[in-house]
Amino acid sequence: MADDRKPGPLGFTPASANSSGFDSGGPVTGGFTSAGPLGFDVEADPLADRLITRVDRDWVPTPKPKNDPIKVTADNLADLAKALSQLPEAGEGGGRLRADAVAAGTSAEASVSLHGNLVNRAVEWIGYSSASPAAQAHWDQVLANLKRHEQRHMEIAIEEGDALATLLVGHKVGSTPSITDKVSTANDKMAARQKELDDDSDHGKRKGHPYGDCNIDTTIK
């Protein structure tokens, strides 16, 4: 944006989603912070060779991210840029992987459910309809760039979630590294990739970057 707002990613796991009932630390905003996982092997002494044969992903077949708009009221682009500078984030995209507990059972085959806690949010300019045609056209382009940036953050979360799902097929329940360990590693890899994207694009501000050009030209009236 015109100021130093960062459209960067979000890692998010609401405490209410935690199957074990303890607080996982809530949302991570601003520069991407490693989002610790919640993954569980619940059987201390599982049957021999009880293997994960199915991994359900809550983003398949259709991702359903948290996508409520970040509403900002402003009369013009200069006021919009100023208002955005007061927000924690100008946009949010990403996710945080979590695994449900493996259900107890006697079958040699077991399944596990993964949650992406996906987020893909952008600014909604309240006052857009009253702005000048030039300001509207400029904001349309900035918003499209911002949405592309946040979409890429969410895609990275999905890619790491899909890789984790593949890795968990064949996992022996109760073995080491555990599901918890593998979820943690996947979240660490995701965090590193999110940071790489923001570093490379200067949090969406770098001109000419495929996931950049999210700057407001406040000289447009």
C-alpha atoms as a PDB file:
ATOM      1  CA  MET A   1       0.000   0.000   0.000  1.00  0.00           C
ATOM      2  CA  ALA A   2       1.069   3.664  -0.048  1.00  0.00           C
ATOM      3  CA  ASP A   3       2.213   3.423   3.563  1.00  0.00           C
ATOM      4  CA  ASP A   4       3.858   0.460   5.253  1.00  0.00           C
ATOM      5  CA  ARG A   5       0.775  -1.781   5.539  1.00  0.00           C
ATOM      6  CA  LYS A   6       1.550  -5.414   4.937  1.00  0.00           C
ATOM      7  CA  PRO A   7      -0.983  -7.581   3.076  1.00  0.00           C
ATOM      8  CA  GLY A   8       0.821 -10.553   4.568  1.00  0.00           C
ATOM      9  CA  PRO A   9      -0.485 -13.986   5.599  1.00  0.00           C
ATOM     10  CA  LEU A  10      -2.265 -15.238   8.635  1.00  0.00           C
ATOM     11  CA  GLY A  11      -1.893 -18.503  10.542  1.00  0.00           C
ATOM     12  CA  PHE A  12      -5.108 -19.145  12.425  1.00  0.00           C
ATOM     13  CA  THR A  13      -6.444 -21.813  14.765  1.00  0.00           C
ATOM     14  CA  PRO A  14      -9.333 -20.695  16.974  1.00  0.00           C
ATOM     15  CA  ALA A  15      -9.269 -22.242  20.421  1.00  0.00           C
ATOM     16  CA  SER A  16     -12.779 -23.598  19.865  1.00  0.00           C
ATOM     17  CA  ALA A  17     -11.470 -25.767  17.026  1.00  0.00           C
ATOM     18  CA  ASN A  18      -8.948 -27.485  19.269  1.00  0.00           C
ATOM     19  CA  SER A  19     -10.199 -31.009  19.898  1.00  0.00           C
ATOM     20  CA  SER A  20      -8.141 -31.260  23.079  1.00  0.00           C
ATOM     21  CA  GLY A  21      -9.725 -28.124  24.537  1.00  0.00           C
ATOM     22  CA  PHE A  22      -6.643 -26.050  25.297  1.00  0.00           C
ATOM     23  CA  ASP A  23      -5.882 -22.647  23.793  1.00  0.00           C
ATOM     24  CA  SER A  24      -3.551 -22.859  20.814  1.00  0.00           C
ATOM     25  CA  GLY A  25      -2.710 -19.165  20.836  1.00  0.00           C
ATOM     26  CA  GLY A  26      -5.261 -17.750  18.416  1.00  0.00           C
ATOM     27  CA  PRO A  27      -4.557 -15.868  15.216  1.00  0.00           C
ATOM     28  CA  VAL A  28      -1.110 -14.842  14.066  1.00  0.00           C
ATOM     29  CA  THR A  29      -1.143 -11.525  12.224  1.00  0.00           C
ATOM     30  CA  GLY A  30       1.350  -9.157  10.615  1.00  0.00           C
ATOM     31  CA  GLY A  31       4.563 -10.775   9.461  1.00  0.00           C
ATOM     32  CA  PHE A  32       3.981 -14.505   9.298  1.00  0.00           C
ATOM     33  CA  THR A  33       4.760 -16.294  12.532  1.00  0.00           C
ATOM     34  CA  SER A  34       5.247 -20.010  12.779  1.00  0.00           C
ATOM     35  CA  ALA A  35       1.863 -21.423  13.696  1.00  0.00           C
ATOM     36  CA  GLY A  36       2.270 -24.370  16.018  1.00  0.00           C
ATOM     37  CA  PRO A  37       0.191 -27.425  15.172  1.00  0.00           C
ATOM     38  CA  LEU A  38      -2.333 -29.500  16.986  1.00  0.00           C
ATOM     39  CA  GLY A  39      -1.998 -33.129  15.883  1.00  0.00           C
ATOM     40  CA  PHE A  40      -2.686 -36.132  18.042  1.00  0.00           C
ATOM     41  CA  ASP A  41      -1.951 -39.848  18.342  1.00  0.00           C
ATOM     42  CA  VAL A  42      -4.372 -40.811  21.090  1.00  0.00           C
ATOM     43  CA  GLU A  43      -3.504 -44.483  21.574  1.00  0.00           C
ATOM     44  CA  ALA A  44      -0.479 -44.943  23.816  1.00  0.00           C
ATOM     45  CA  ASP A  45      -0.346 -48.644  22.993  1.00  0.00           C
ATOM     46  CA  PRO A  46      -1.976 -49.126  19.589  1.00  0.00           C
ATOM     47  CA  LEU A  47      -2.440 -52.449  17.888  1.00  0.00           C
ATOM     48  CA  ALA A  48       0.614 -53.587  15.973  1.00  0.00           C
ATOM     49  CA  ASP A  49       0.833 -52.037  12.540  1.00  0.00           C
ATOM     50  CA  ARG A  50      -2.347 -49.971  12.847  1.00  0.00           C
ATOM     51  CA  LEU A  51      -1.891 -47.707   9.845  1.00  0.00           C
ATOM     52  CA  ILE A  52      -3.453 -44.506   8.549  1.00  0.00           C
ATOM     53  CA  THR A  53      -5.080 -45.420   5.242  1.00  0.00           C
ATOM     54  CA  ARG A  54      -7.325 -42.370   4.738  1.00  0.00           C
ATOM     55  CA  VAL A  55      -6.725 -38.664   5.335  1.00  0.00           C
ATOM     56  CA  ASP A  56      -9.725 -36.351   5.111  1.00  0.00           C
ATOM     57  CA  ARG A  57      -8.991 -32.696   4.313  1.00  0.00           C
ATOM     58  CA  ASP A  58     -11.575 -30.045   5.109  1.00  0.00           C
ATOM     59  CA  TRP A  59     -10.506 -27.974   2.079  1.00  0.00           C
ATOM     60  CA  VAL A  60     -11.419 -30.773  -0.341  1.00  0.00           C
ATOM     61  CA  PRO A  61     -13.289 -30.582  -2.650  1.00  0.00           C
ATOM     62  CA  THR A  62     -13.807 -26.828  -2.113  1.00  0.00           C
ATOM     63  CA  PRO A  63     -11.816 -24.579   0.245  1.00  0.00           C
ATOM     64  CA  LYS A  64     -14.024 -22.558   2.569  1.00  0.00           C
ATOM     65  CA  PRO A  65     -11.696 -19.958   4.051  1.00  0.00           C
ATOM     66  CA  LYS A  66     -12.590 -17.273   6.529  1.00  0.00           C
ATOM     67  CA  ASN A  67     -13.322 -14.533   4.004  1.00  0.00           C
ATOM     68  CA  ASP A  68     -15.374 -11.814   5.667  1.00  0.00           C
ATOM     69  CA  PRO A  69     -14.185  -8.476   4.247  1.00  0.00           C
ATOM     70  CA  ILE A  70     -12.066  -6.019   6.174  1.00  0.00           C
ATOM     71  CA  LYS A  71     -14.379  -2.991   5.923  1.00  0.00           C
ATOM     72  CA  VAL A  72     -12.763   0.429   5.733  1.00  0.00           C
ATOM     73  CA  THR A  73     -14.633   3.719   5.369  1.00  0.00           C
ATOM     74  CA  ALA A  74     -12.990   6.540   3.425  1.00  0.00           C
ATOM     75  CA  ASP A  75     -13.952   9.352   1.050  1.00  0.00           C
ATOM     76  CA  ASN A  76     -10.948   9.130  -1.245  1.00  0.00           C
ATOM     77  CA  LEU A  77      -7.747   7.180  -1.869  1.00  0.00           C
ATOM     78  CA  ALA A  78      -5.645   9.305   0.454  1.00  0.00           C
ATOM     79  CA  ASP A  79      -8.095   8.761   3.311  1.00  0.00           C
ATOM     80  CA  LEU A  80      -8.296   5.063   2.444  1.00  0.00           C
ATOM     81  CA  ALA A  81      -4.520   4.673   2.626  1.00  0.00           C
ATOM     82  CA  LYS A  82      -4.494   6.494   5.955  1.00  0.00           C
ATOM     83  CA  ALA A  83      -7.295   4.302   7.330  1.00  0.00           C
ATOM     84  CA  LEU A  84      -5.511   1.137   6.205  1.00  0.00           C
ATOM     85  CA  SER A  85      -2.379   2.258   8.023  1.00  0.00           C
ATOM     86  CA  GLN A  86      -4.336   2.036  11.277  1.00  0.00           C
ATOM     87  CA  LEU A  87      -5.292  -1.618  10.755  1.00  0.00           C
ATOM     88  CA  PRO A  88      -3.318  -4.652  11.908  1.00  0.00           C
ATOM     89  CA  GLU A  89      -3.532  -6.027   8.352  1.00  0.00           C
ATOM     90  CA  ALA A  90      -4.505  -4.676   4.944  1.00  0.00           C
ATOM     91  CA  GLY A  91      -5.281  -8.249   3.903  1.00  0.00           C
ATOM     92  CA  GLU A  92      -5.048 -11.742   5.338  1.00  0.00           C
ATOM     93  CA  GLY A  93      -4.310 -15.019   3.647  1.00  0.00           C
ATOM     94  CA  GLY A  94      -2.891 -18.365   4.690  1.00  0.00           C
ATOM     95  CA  GLY A  95      -3.783 -21.137   7.093  1.00  0.00           C
ATOM     96  CA  ARG A  96      -2.726 -23.335   9.964  1.00  0.00           C
ATOM     97  CA  LEU A  97      -2.833 -27.110   9.889  1.00  0.00           C
ATOM     98  CA  ARG A  98      -4.420 -29.145  12.635  1.00  0.00           C
ATOM     99  CA  ALA A  99      -5.126 -32.892  12.925  1.00  0.00           C
ATOM    100  CA  ASP A 100      -8.029 -34.387  14.841  1.00  0.00           C
ATOM    101  CA  ALA A 101      -7.416 -37.201  17.269  1.00  0.00           C
ATOM    102  CA  VAL A 102      -7.221 -40.659  15.716  1.00  0.00           C
ATOM    103  CA  ALA A 103     -10.295 -42.553  16.854  1.00  0.00           C
ATOM    104  CA  ALA A 104      -9.676 -45.621  18.995  1.00  0.00           C
ATOM    105  CA  GLY A 105     -10.510 -48.900  17.322  1.00  0.00           C
ATOM    106  CA  THR A 106      -9.535 -52.474  16.642  1.00  0.00           C
ATOM    107  CA  SER A 107      -9.216 -52.239  12.871  1.00  0.00           C
ATOM    108  CA  ALA A 108      -5.768 -52.318  11.351  1.00  0.00           C
ATOM    109  CA  GLU A 109      -6.858 -49.373   9.196  1.00  0.00           C
ATOM    110  CA  ALA A 110      -7.388 -45.897  10.650  1.00  0.00           C
ATOM    111  CA  SER A 111      -8.182 -42.448   9.350  1.00  0.00           C
ATOM    112  CA  VAL A 112      -7.306 -38.917  10.366  1.00  0.00           C
ATOM    113  CA  SER A 113      -8.940 -35.572   9.592  1.00  0.00           C
ATOM    114  CA  LEU A 114      -6.900 -32.477   8.735  1.00  0.00           C
ATOM    115  CA  HIS A 115      -8.126 -28.918   9.128  1.00  0.00           C
ATOM    116  CA  GLY A 116      -6.543 -26.085   7.164  1.00  0.00           C
ATOM    117  CA  ASN A 117      -8.017 -23.154   9.138  1.00  0.00           C
ATOM    118  CA  LEU A 118      -7.804 -21.256   5.868  1.00  0.00           C
ATOM    119  CA  VAL A 119      -8.106 -17.480   5.632  1.00  0.00           C
ATOM    120  CA  ASN A 120      -8.462 -15.297   2.544  1.00  0.00           C
ATOM    121  CA  ARG A 121      -9.651 -11.761   3.309  1.00  0.00           C
ATOM    122  CA  ALA A 122      -9.330  -8.411   1.579  1.00  0.00           C
ATOM    123  CA  VAL A 123     -10.422  -4.818   2.104  1.00  0.00           C
ATOM    124  CA  GLU A 124     -13.904  -3.591   1.226  1.00  0.00           C
ATOM    125  CA  TRP A 125     -13.817   0.159   0.663  1.00  0.00           C
ATOM    126  CA  ILE A 126     -16.941   1.739   2.106  1.00  0.00           C
ATOM    127  CA  GLY A 127     -17.216   4.951   0.121  1.00  0.00           C
ATOM    128  CA  TYR A 128     -16.092   3.457  -3.175  1.00  0.00           C
ATOM    129  CA  SER A 129     -19.379   4.283  -4.895  1.00  0.00           C
ATOM    130  CA  SER A 130     -18.911   7.996  -4.151  1.00  0.00           C
ATOM    131  CA  ALA A 131     -15.287   8.154  -5.294  1.00  0.00           C
ATOM    132  CA  SER A 132     -14.217   9.556  -8.645  1.00  0.00           C
ATOM    133  CA  PRO A 133     -14.092   7.237 -11.686  1.00  0.00           C
ATOM    134  CA  ALA A 134     -10.289   7.518 -11.682  1.00  0.00           C
ATOM    135  CA  ALA A 135     -10.072   6.572  -8.010  1.00  0.00           C
ATOM    136  CA  GLN A 136     -12.431   3.650  -8.535  1.00  0.00           C
ATOM    137  CA  ALA A 137     -10.432   2.347 -11.493  1.00  0.00           C
ATOM    138  CA  HIS A 138      -7.186   2.587  -9.547  1.00  0.00           C
ATOM    139  CA  TRP A 139      -8.639   0.850  -6.497  1.00  0.00           C
ATOM    140  CA  ASP A 140     -10.086  -1.921  -8.674  1.00  0.00           C
ATOM    141  CA  GLN A 141      -6.546  -2.721  -9.841  1.00  0.00           C
ATOM    142  CA  VAL A 142      -4.995  -2.442  -6.363  1.00  0.00           C
ATOM    143  CA  LEU A 143      -7.696  -4.679  -4.915  1.00  0.00           C
ATOM    144  CA  ALA A 144      -7.204  -7.274  -7.665  1.00  0.00           C
ATOM    145  CA  ASN A 145      -3.484  -7.324  -6.874  1.00  0.00           C
ATOM    146  CA  LEU A 146      -4.149  -7.587  -3.147  1.00  0.00           C
ATOM    147  CA  LYS A 147      -6.562 -10.477  -3.665  1.00  0.00           C
ATOM    148  CA  ARG A 148      -3.989 -12.265  -5.843  1.00  0.00           C
ATOM    149  CA  HIS A 149      -1.390 -11.835  -3.101  1.00  0.00           C
ATOM    150  CA  GLU A 150      -3.649 -13.229  -0.376  1.00  0.00           C
ATOM    151  CA  GLN A 151      -4.891 -16.021  -2.647  1.00  0.00           C
ATOM    152  CA  ARG A 152      -1.297 -17.140  -3.108  1.00  0.00           C
ATOM    153  CA  HIS A 153      -0.805 -17.237   0.658  1.00  0.00           C
ATOM    154  CA  MET A 154      -3.860 -19.483   0.953  1.00  0.00           C
ATOM    155  CA  GLU A 155      -2.647 -21.690  -1.893  1.00  0.00           C
ATOM    156  CA  ILE A 156       0.649 -22.216  -0.069  1.00  0.00           C
ATOM    157  CA  ALA A 157      -1.283 -23.380   2.992  1.00  0.00           C
ATOM    158  CA  ILE A 158      -3.263 -25.830   0.858  1.00  0.00           C
ATOM    159  CA  GLU A 159      -0.143 -27.125  -0.881  1.00  0.00           C
ATOM    160  CA  GLU A 160       1.541 -27.894   2.430  1.00  0.00           C
ATOM    161  CA  GLY A 161      -1.671 -29.456   3.729  1.00  0.00           C
ATOM    162  CA  ASP A 162      -1.884 -31.715   0.675  1.00  0.00           C
ATOM    163  CA  ALA A 163       1.750 -32.720   1.112  1.00  0.00           C
ATOM    164  CA  LEU A 164       1.094 -33.549   4.759  1.00  0.00           C
ATOM    165  CA  ALA A 165      -1.934 -35.652   3.813  1.00  0.00           C
ATOM    166  CA  THR A 166       0.196 -37.681   1.417  1.00  0.00           C
ATOM    167  CA  LEU A 167       2.881 -38.114   4.070  1.00  0.00           C
ATOM    168  CA  LEU A 168       0.380 -39.375   6.656  1.00  0.00           C
ATOM    169  CA  VAL A 169      -0.896 -42.227   4.486  1.00  0.00           C
ATOM    170  CA  GLY A 170       0.884 -45.302   5.834  1.00  0.00           C
ATOM    171  CA  HIS A 171       1.697 -43.658   9.174  1.00  0.00           C
ATOM    172  CA  LYS A 172       1.735 -46.197  12.010  1.00  0.00           C
ATOM    173  CA  VAL A 173      -0.390 -44.914  14.869  1.00  0.00           C
ATOM    174  CA  GLY A 174       1.760 -44.312  17.925  1.00  0.00           C
ATOM    175  CA  SER A 175       5.046 -44.304  16.008  1.00  0.00           C
ATOM    176  CA  THR A 176       7.750 -41.669  16.008  1.00  0.00           C
ATOM    177  CA  PRO A 177       7.768 -39.128  14.472  1.00  0.00           C
ATOM    178  CA  SER A 178       4.148 -38.831  15.571  1.00  0.00           C
ATOM    179  CA  ILE A 179       1.267 -37.167  13.752  1.00  0.00           C
ATOM    180  CA  THR A 180       1.901 -34.195  16.034  1.00  0.00           C
ATOM    181  CA  ASP A 181       5.505 -34.035  14.851  1.00  0.00           C
ATOM    182  CA  LYS A 182       4.508 -34.253  11.200  1.00  0.00           C
ATOM    183  CA  VAL A 183       1.874 -31.534  11.544  1.00  0.00           C
ATOM    184  CA  SER A 184       4.442 -29.334  13.294  1.00  0.00           C
ATOM    185  CA  THR A 185       6.947 -29.852  10.493  1.00  0.00           C
ATOM    186  CA  ALA A 186       4.311 -29.052   7.858  1.00  0.00           C
ATOM    187  CA  ASN A 187       3.364 -25.824   9.633  1.00  0.00           C
ATOM    188  CA  ASP A 188       7.026 -24.847   9.889  1.00  0.00           C
ATOM    189  CA  LYS A 189       7.492 -25.428   6.160  1.00  0.00           C
ATOM    190  CA  MET A 190       4.351 -23.437   5.446  1.00  0.00           C
ATOM    191  CA  ALA A 191       5.579 -20.540   7.601  1.00  0.00           C
ATOM    192  CA  ALA A 192       8.924 -20.507   5.794  1.00  0.00           C
ATOM    193  CA  ARG A 193       7.227 -20.391   2.398  1.00  0.00           C
ATOM    194  CA  GLN A 194       4.845 -17.631   3.515  1.00  0.00           C
ATOM    195  CA  LYS A 195       7.794 -15.587   4.734  1.00  0.00           C
ATOM    196  CA  GLU A 196       9.651 -16.195   1.488  1.00  0.00           C
ATOM    197  CA  LEU A 197       6.672 -14.879  -0.488  1.00  0.00           C
ATOM    198  CA  ASP A 198       6.409 -11.749   1.647  1.00  0.00           C
ATOM    199  CA  ASP A 199      10.139 -11.144   1.637  1.00  0.00           C
ATOM    200  CA  ASP A 200      10.314 -11.533  -2.134  1.00  0.00           C
ATOM    201  CA  SER A 201       7.273  -9.321  -2.810  1.00  0.00           C
ATOM    202  CA  ASP A 202       7.988  -6.860   0.027  1.00  0.00           C
ATOM    203  CA  HIS A 203       4.633  -7.858   1.544  1.00  0.00           C
ATOM    204  CA  GLY A 204       2.893  -7.176  -1.742  1.00  0.00           C
ATOM    205  CA  LYS A 205       4.374  -3.710  -2.235  1.00  0.00           C
ATOM    206  CA  ARG A 206       7.059  -4.527  -4.814  1.00  0.00           C
ATOM    207  CA  LYS A 207       6.241  -3.074  -8.207  1.00  0.00           C
ATOM    208  CA  GLY A 208       6.178  -5.560 -11.057  1.00  0.00           C
ATOM    209  CA  HIS A 209       6.148  -8.616  -8.781  1.00  0.00           C
ATOM    210  CA  PRO A 210       3.596 -11.319  -9.691  1.00  0.00           C
ATOM    211  CA  TYR A 211       2.144 -10.984  -6.189  1.00  0.00           C
ATOM    212  CA  GLY A 212       2.938  -7.307  -5.685  1.00  0.00           C
ATOM    213  CA  ASP A 213       1.729  -3.914  -6.888  1.00  0.00           C
ATOM    214  CA  CYS A 214      -0.606  -3.484  -3.908  1.00  0.00           C
ATOM    215  CA  ASN A 215       0.256   0.205  -3.522  1.00  0.00           C
ATOM    216  CA  ILE A 216      -2.309   3.036  -3.427  1.00  0.00           C
ATOM    217  CA  ASP A 217      -1.478   6.142  -5.454  1.00  0.00           C
ATOM    218  CA  THR A 218      -2.783   8.835  -3.104  1.00  0.00           C
ATOM    219  CA  THR A 219      -2.279  11.554  -5.736  1.00  0.00           C
ATOM    220  CA  ILE A 220      -5.301  10.271  -7.664  1.00  0.00           C
ATOM    221  CA  LYS A 221      -8.330  12.370  -6.715  1.00  0.00           C
END
